[in-house]
PDB file of N, CA and C in Angstrom:
ATOM      1  N   UNK A   1     -12.968 -28.324  42.346  1.00  0.00           N
ATOM      2  CA  UNK A   1     -14.320 -28.604  41.919  1.00  0.00           C
ATOM      3  C   UNK A   1     -14.692 -30.053  42.200  1.00  0.00           C
ATOM      4  N   UNK A   2     -13.722 -30.928  42.268  1.00  0.00           N
ATOM      5  CA  UNK A   2     -14.017 -32.330  42.532  1.00  0.00           C
ATOM      6  C   UNK A   2     -14.719 -32.481  43.872  1.00  0.00           C
ATOM      7  N   UNK A   3     -14.411 -31.615  44.827  1.00  0.00           N
ATOM      8  CA  UNK A   3     -15.034 -31.711  46.144  1.00  0.00           C
ATOM      9  C   UNK A   3     -16.543 -31.481  46.093  1.00  0.00           C
ATOM     10  N   UNK A   4     -17.059 -30.930  44.999  1.00  0.00           N
ATOM     11  CA  UNK A   4     -18.506 -30.742  44.871  1.00  0.00           C
ATOM     12  C   UNK A   4     -19.238 -32.079  44.831  1.00  0.00           C
ATOM     13  N   UNK A   5     -18.528 -33.155  44.513  1.00  0.00           N
ATOM     14  CA  UNK A   5     -19.143 -34.481  44.506  1.00  0.00           C
ATOM     15  C   UNK A   5     -19.522 -34.928  45.916  1.00  0.00           C
ATOM     16  N   UNK A   6     -18.991 -34.254  46.918  1.00  0.00           N
ATOM     17  CA  UNK A   6     -19.271 -34.605  48.309  1.00  0.00           C
ATOM     18  C   UNK A   6     -20.640 -34.126  48.786  1.00  0.00           C
ATOM     19  N   UNK A   7     -21.267 -33.228  48.058  1.00  0.00           N
ATOM     20  CA  UNK A   7     -22.536 -32.667  48.518  1.00  0.00           C
ATOM     21  C   UNK A   7     -23.680 -33.134  47.608  1.00  0.00           C
ATOM     22  N   UNK A   8     -24.853 -33.341  48.192  1.00  0.00           N
ATOM     23  CA  UNK A   8     -26.013 -33.779  47.400  1.00  0.00           C
ATOM     24  C   UNK A   8     -26.699 -32.584  46.738  1.00  0.00           C
ATOM     25  N   UNK A   9     -26.014 -31.952  45.813  1.00  0.00           N
ATOM     26  CA  UNK A   9     -26.545 -30.772  45.154  1.00  0.00           C
ATOM     27  C   UNK A   9     -26.062 -30.779  43.717  1.00  0.00           C
ATOM     28  N   UNK A  10     -26.827 -30.177  42.842  1.00  0.00           N
ATOM     29  CA  UNK A  10     -26.456 -30.104  41.430  1.00  0.00           C
ATOM     30  C   UNK A  10     -26.481 -28.638  41.019  1.00  0.00           C
ATOM     31  N   UNK A  11     -25.333 -28.121  40.626  1.00  0.00           N
ATOM     32  CA  UNK A  11     -25.252 -26.724  40.228  1.00  0.00           C
ATOM     33  C   UNK A  11     -25.621 -26.551  38.766  1.00  0.00           C
ATOM     34  N   UNK A  12     -26.195 -25.413  38.456  1.00  0.00           N
ATOM     35  CA  UNK A  12     -26.421 -25.047  37.070  1.00  0.00           C
ATOM     36  C   UNK A  12     -25.081 -24.648  36.470  1.00  0.00           C
ATOM     37  N   UNK A  13     -24.901 -24.787  35.166  1.00  0.00           N
ATOM     38  CA  UNK A  13     -23.621 -24.423  34.547  1.00  0.00           C
ATOM     39  C   UNK A  13     -23.184 -22.987  34.857  1.00  0.00           C
ATOM     40  N   UNK A  14     -24.119 -22.058  34.931  1.00  0.00           N
ATOM     41  CA  UNK A  14     -23.773 -20.663  35.181  1.00  0.00           C
ATOM     42  C   UNK A  14     -23.421 -20.395  36.643  1.00  0.00           C
ATOM     43  N   UNK A  15     -23.529 -21.395  37.503  1.00  0.00           N
ATOM     44  CA  UNK A  15     -23.135 -21.245  38.904  1.00  0.00           C
ATOM     45  C   UNK A  15     -21.723 -21.764  39.175  1.00  0.00           C
ATOM     46  N   UNK A  16     -21.162 -22.494  38.244  1.00  0.00           N
ATOM     47  CA  UNK A  16     -19.867 -23.141  38.454  1.00  0.00           C
ATOM     48  C   UNK A  16     -18.725 -22.150  38.702  1.00  0.00           C
ATOM     49  N   UNK A  17     -18.682 -21.065  37.947  1.00  0.00           N
ATOM     50  CA  UNK A  17     -17.580 -20.112  38.066  1.00  0.00           C
ATOM     51  C   UNK A  17     -17.495 -19.525  39.473  1.00  0.00           C
ATOM     52  N   UNK A  18     -18.609 -19.040  39.990  1.00  0.00           N
ATOM     53  CA  UNK A  18     -18.584 -18.424  41.317  1.00  0.00           C
ATOM     54  C   UNK A  18     -18.418 -19.463  42.423  1.00  0.00           C
ATOM     55  N   UNK A  19     -18.891 -20.678  42.196  1.00  0.00           N
ATOM     56  CA  UNK A  19     -18.651 -21.752  43.164  1.00  0.00           C
ATOM     57  C   UNK A  19     -17.153 -22.060  43.233  1.00  0.00           C
ATOM     58  N   UNK A  20     -16.499 -22.115  42.082  1.00  0.00           N
ATOM     59  CA  UNK A  20     -15.058 -22.368  42.034  1.00  0.00           C
ATOM     60  C   UNK A  20     -14.284 -21.240  42.724  1.00  0.00           C
ATOM     61  N   UNK A  21     -14.709 -19.996  42.492  1.00  0.00           N
ATOM     62  CA  UNK A  21     -14.056 -18.865  43.145  1.00  0.00           C
ATOM     63  C   UNK A  21     -14.223 -18.927  44.656  1.00  0.00           C
ATOM     64  N   UNK A  22     -15.393 -19.330  45.114  1.00  0.00           N
ATOM     65  CA  UNK A  22     -15.652 -19.477  46.551  1.00  0.00           C
ATOM     66  C   UNK A  22     -14.711 -20.521  47.148  1.00  0.00           C
ATOM     67  N   UNK A  23     -14.578 -21.656  46.482  1.00  0.00           N
ATOM     68  CA  UNK A  23     -13.700 -22.715  46.966  1.00  0.00           C
ATOM     69  C   UNK A  23     -12.233 -22.288  46.917  1.00  0.00           C
ATOM     70  N   UNK A  24     -11.828 -21.605  45.857  1.00  0.00           N
ATOM     71  CA  UNK A  24     -10.441 -21.159  45.718  1.00  0.00           C
ATOM     72  C   UNK A  24     -10.066 -20.142  46.796  1.00  0.00           C
ATOM     73  N   UNK A  25     -11.055 -19.387  47.259  1.00  0.00           N
ATOM     74  CA  UNK A  25     -10.811 -18.396  48.309  1.00  0.00           C
ATOM     75  C   UNK A  25     -10.827 -19.015  49.704  1.00  0.00           C
ATOM     76  N   UNK A  26     -10.952 -20.337  49.768  1.00  0.00           N
ATOM     77  CA  UNK A  26     -10.938 -21.022  51.059  1.00  0.00           C
ATOM     78  C   UNK A  26     -12.307 -21.315  51.625  1.00  0.00           C
ATOM     79  N   UNK A  27     -13.358 -21.045  50.862  1.00  0.00           N
ATOM     80  CA  UNK A  27     -14.722 -21.317  51.317  1.00  0.00           C
ATOM     81  C   UNK A  27     -14.998 -22.809  51.406  1.00  0.00           C
ATOM     82  N   UNK A  28     -15.980 -23.164  52.153  1.00  0.00           N
ATOM     83  CA  UNK A  28     -16.342 -24.567  52.353  1.00  0.00           C
ATOM     84  C   UNK A  28     -17.285 -25.064  51.264  1.00  0.00           C
ATOM     85  N   UNK A  29     -17.069 -26.295  50.853  1.00  0.00           N
ATOM     86  CA  UNK A  29     -17.959 -26.921  49.875  1.00  0.00           C
ATOM     87  C   UNK A  29     -19.379 -27.031  50.435  1.00  0.00           C
ATOM     88  N   UNK A  30     -19.495 -27.074  51.740  1.00  0.00           N
ATOM     89  CA  UNK A  30     -20.802 -27.226  52.374  1.00  0.00           C
ATOM     90  C   UNK A  30     -21.615 -25.926  52.356  1.00  0.00           C
ATOM     91  N   UNK A  31     -20.983 -24.810  51.975  1.00  0.00           N
ATOM     92  CA  UNK A  31     -21.695 -23.535  51.812  1.00  0.00           C
ATOM     93  C   UNK A  31     -22.432 -23.479  50.476  1.00  0.00           C
ATOM     94  N   UNK A  32     -21.980 -24.257  49.513  1.00  0.00           N
ATOM     95  CA  UNK A  32     -22.445 -24.158  48.128  1.00  0.00           C
ATOM     96  C   UNK A  32     -23.956 -24.371  47.965  1.00  0.00           C
ATOM     97  N   UNK A  33     -24.567 -25.409  48.552  1.00  0.00           N
ATOM     98  CA  UNK A  33     -26.019 -25.577  48.346  1.00  0.00           C
ATOM     99  C   UNK A  33     -26.846 -24.361  48.785  1.00  0.00           C
ATOM    100  N   UNK A  34     -26.511 -23.784  49.927  1.00  0.00           N
ATOM    101  CA  UNK A  34     -27.258 -22.622  50.407  1.00  0.00           C
ATOM    102  C   UNK A  34     -27.008 -21.418  49.511  1.00  0.00           C
ATOM    103  N   UNK A  35     -25.769 -21.245  49.054  1.00  0.00           N
ATOM    104  CA  UNK A  35     -25.450 -20.136  48.152  1.00  0.00           C
ATOM    105  C   UNK A  35     -26.234 -20.269  46.853  1.00  0.00           C
ATOM    106  N   UNK A  36     -26.393 -21.492  46.373  1.00  0.00           N
ATOM    107  CA  UNK A  36     -27.155 -21.740  45.155  1.00  0.00           C
ATOM    108  C   UNK A  36     -28.625 -21.380  45.363  1.00  0.00           C
ATOM    109  N   UNK A  37     -29.200 -21.798  46.497  1.00  0.00           N
ATOM    110  CA  UNK A  37     -30.596 -21.484  46.805  1.00  0.00           C
ATOM    111  C   UNK A  37     -30.840 -19.984  46.896  1.00  0.00           C
ATOM    112  N   UNK A  38     -29.848 -19.259  47.432  1.00  0.00           N
ATOM    113  CA  UNK A  38     -29.990 -17.812  47.617  1.00  0.00           C
ATOM    114  C   UNK A  38     -29.715 -17.022  46.330  1.00  0.00           C
ATOM    115  N   UNK A  39     -29.208 -17.697  45.300  1.00  0.00           N
ATOM    116  CA  UNK A  39     -28.921 -17.019  44.044  1.00  0.00           C
ATOM    117  C   UNK A  39     -27.579 -16.314  44.010  1.00  0.00           C
ATOM    118  N   UNK A  40     -26.760 -16.538  45.031  1.00  0.00           N
ATOM    119  CA  UNK A  40     -25.456 -15.884  45.135  1.00  0.00           C
ATOM    120  C   UNK A  40     -24.504 -16.340  44.031  1.00  0.00           C
ATOM    121  N   UNK A  41     -24.696 -17.539  43.513  1.00  0.00           N
ATOM    122  CA  UNK A  41     -23.768 -18.106  42.532  1.00  0.00           C
ATOM    123  C   UNK A  41     -24.134 -17.790  41.086  1.00  0.00           C
ATOM    124  N   UNK A  42     -25.224 -17.108  40.864  1.00  0.00           N
ATOM    125  CA  UNK A  42     -25.662 -16.854  39.492  1.00  0.00           C
ATOM    126  C   UNK A  42     -24.748 -15.846  38.811  1.00  0.00           C
ATOM    127  N   UNK A  43     -24.147 -16.266  37.718  1.00  0.00           N
ATOM    128  CA  UNK A  43     -23.223 -15.427  36.958  1.00  0.00           C
ATOM    129  C   UNK A  43     -23.527 -15.597  35.483  1.00  0.00           C
ATOM    130  N   UNK A  44     -24.154 -14.599  34.898  1.00  0.00           N
ATOM    131  CA  UNK A  44     -24.518 -14.665  33.490  1.00  0.00           C
ATOM    132  C   UNK A  44     -23.602 -13.787  32.635  1.00  0.00           C
ATOM    133  N   UNK A  45     -22.441 -13.415  33.168  1.00  0.00           N
ATOM    134  CA  UNK A  45     -21.548 -12.502  32.457  1.00  0.00           C
ATOM    135  C   UNK A  45     -21.062 -13.059  31.128  1.00  0.00           C
ATOM    136  N   UNK A  46     -20.940 -14.379  30.999  1.00  0.00           N
ATOM    137  CA  UNK A  46     -20.487 -14.984  29.754  1.00  0.00           C
ATOM    138  C   UNK A  46     -21.609 -15.114  28.727  1.00  0.00           C
ATOM    139  N   UNK A  47     -22.850 -14.953  29.144  1.00  0.00           N
ATOM    140  CA  UNK A  47     -23.998 -15.157  28.257  1.00  0.00           C
ATOM    141  C   UNK A  47     -24.235 -13.965  27.328  1.00  0.00           C
ATOM    142  N   UNK A  48     -23.784 -12.791  27.728  1.00  0.00           N
ATOM    143  CA  UNK A  48     -24.029 -11.603  26.913  1.00  0.00           C
ATOM    144  C   UNK A  48     -25.331 -10.941  27.353  1.00  0.00           C
ATOM    145  N   UNK A  49     -25.559  -9.724  26.908  1.00  0.00           N
ATOM    146  CA  UNK A  49     -26.761  -8.995  27.337  1.00  0.00           C
ATOM    147  C   UNK A  49     -28.048  -9.656  26.843  1.00  0.00           C
ATOM    148  N   UNK A  50     -28.998  -9.816  27.764  1.00  0.00           N
ATOM    149  CA  UNK A  50     -30.297 -10.375  27.414  1.00  0.00           C
ATOM    150  C   UNK A  50     -30.289 -11.871  27.129  1.00  0.00           C
ATOM    151  N   UNK A  51     -29.238 -12.561  27.502  1.00  0.00           N
ATOM    152  CA  UNK A  51     -29.151 -13.976  27.181  1.00  0.00           C
ATOM    153  C   UNK A  51     -29.091 -14.860  28.427  1.00  0.00           C
ATOM    154  N   UNK A  52     -29.620 -14.404  29.530  1.00  0.00           N
ATOM    155  CA  UNK A  52     -29.649 -15.197  30.748  1.00  0.00           C
ATOM    156  C   UNK A  52     -30.514 -16.431  30.530  1.00  0.00           C
ATOM    157  N   UNK A  53     -30.037 -17.605  30.980  1.00  0.00           N
ATOM    158  CA  UNK A  53     -30.815 -18.822  30.781  1.00  0.00           C
ATOM    159  C   UNK A  53     -32.118 -18.806  31.580  1.00  0.00           C
ATOM    160  N   UNK A  54     -33.083 -19.497  31.079  1.00  0.00           N
ATOM    161  CA  UNK A  54     -34.384 -19.610  31.734  1.00  0.00           C
ATOM    162  C   UNK A  54     -34.346 -20.825  32.642  1.00  0.00           C
ATOM    163  N   UNK A  55     -34.691 -20.623  33.905  1.00  0.00           N
ATOM    164  CA  UNK A  55     -34.731 -21.725  34.856  1.00  0.00           C
ATOM    165  C   UNK A  55     -36.161 -22.261  34.912  1.00  0.00           C
ATOM    166  N   UNK A  56     -36.334 -23.531  34.637  1.00  0.00           N
ATOM    167  CA  UNK A  56     -37.654 -24.122  34.744  1.00  0.00           C
ATOM    168  C   UNK A  56     -37.545 -25.467  35.425  1.00  0.00           C
ATOM    169  N   UNK A  57     -38.589 -25.827  36.124  1.00  0.00           N
ATOM    170  CA  UNK A  57     -38.596 -27.103  36.842  1.00  0.00           C
ATOM    171  C   UNK A  57     -39.668 -27.993  36.277  1.00  0.00           C
TER     172      UNK A  57
END
């Protein structure tokens, strides 16, 4: 996860688990920003039913 400091991107807390799994499987840290934009990293399994966080800008 330390390698995430190399990219100019900020992950949401609920994206960290799948980002870590991607890196552990040999994926590139440089894939992470695009995966985040596409919603591939969104994992609300720990939040429980109906408790997905609200994203606001």
